[in-house]
Amino acid sequence: MYCPGFMAGRSGLDGASGVERNLRRNLRCMSNRLNDDERNVLAAELERLRQEHRDLDAAIDALALVGKGDQLQVQRLKKRKLFLRDRLAFLDDMLTPDIIA
């Protein structure tokens, strides 16, 4: 199957590097090739990560309400939350079909 732009190396003016744009494009092409079982697994993982992200948000808020909590612990939770956000975006891109308008 041919995916436009599957090859890396082009650069542009939209702020994203050529590698990032090509990775996104390749992921969209991959999303067209996923079977139902793979989509279900990814959707379940996406929901699990969303729940963990919400739980981390609640934990960070609870530590802030208590007052002087362990700042290192808060920092670690926030870092984990950022990692989850990136992973959520990655999985969401994999599940979103490539629709050429």
Foldseek 3Di string as FASTA:
>chain_A
DDFPLCDFDDQDDPPDGRVVVNVLSVLQVLLVVDDPVRLVVLVVVLVVLVVVLVVLVVVLVVQVVVPDDDVVVSVVSVVVSVVSVVVNVSSVSNNDHDDDD
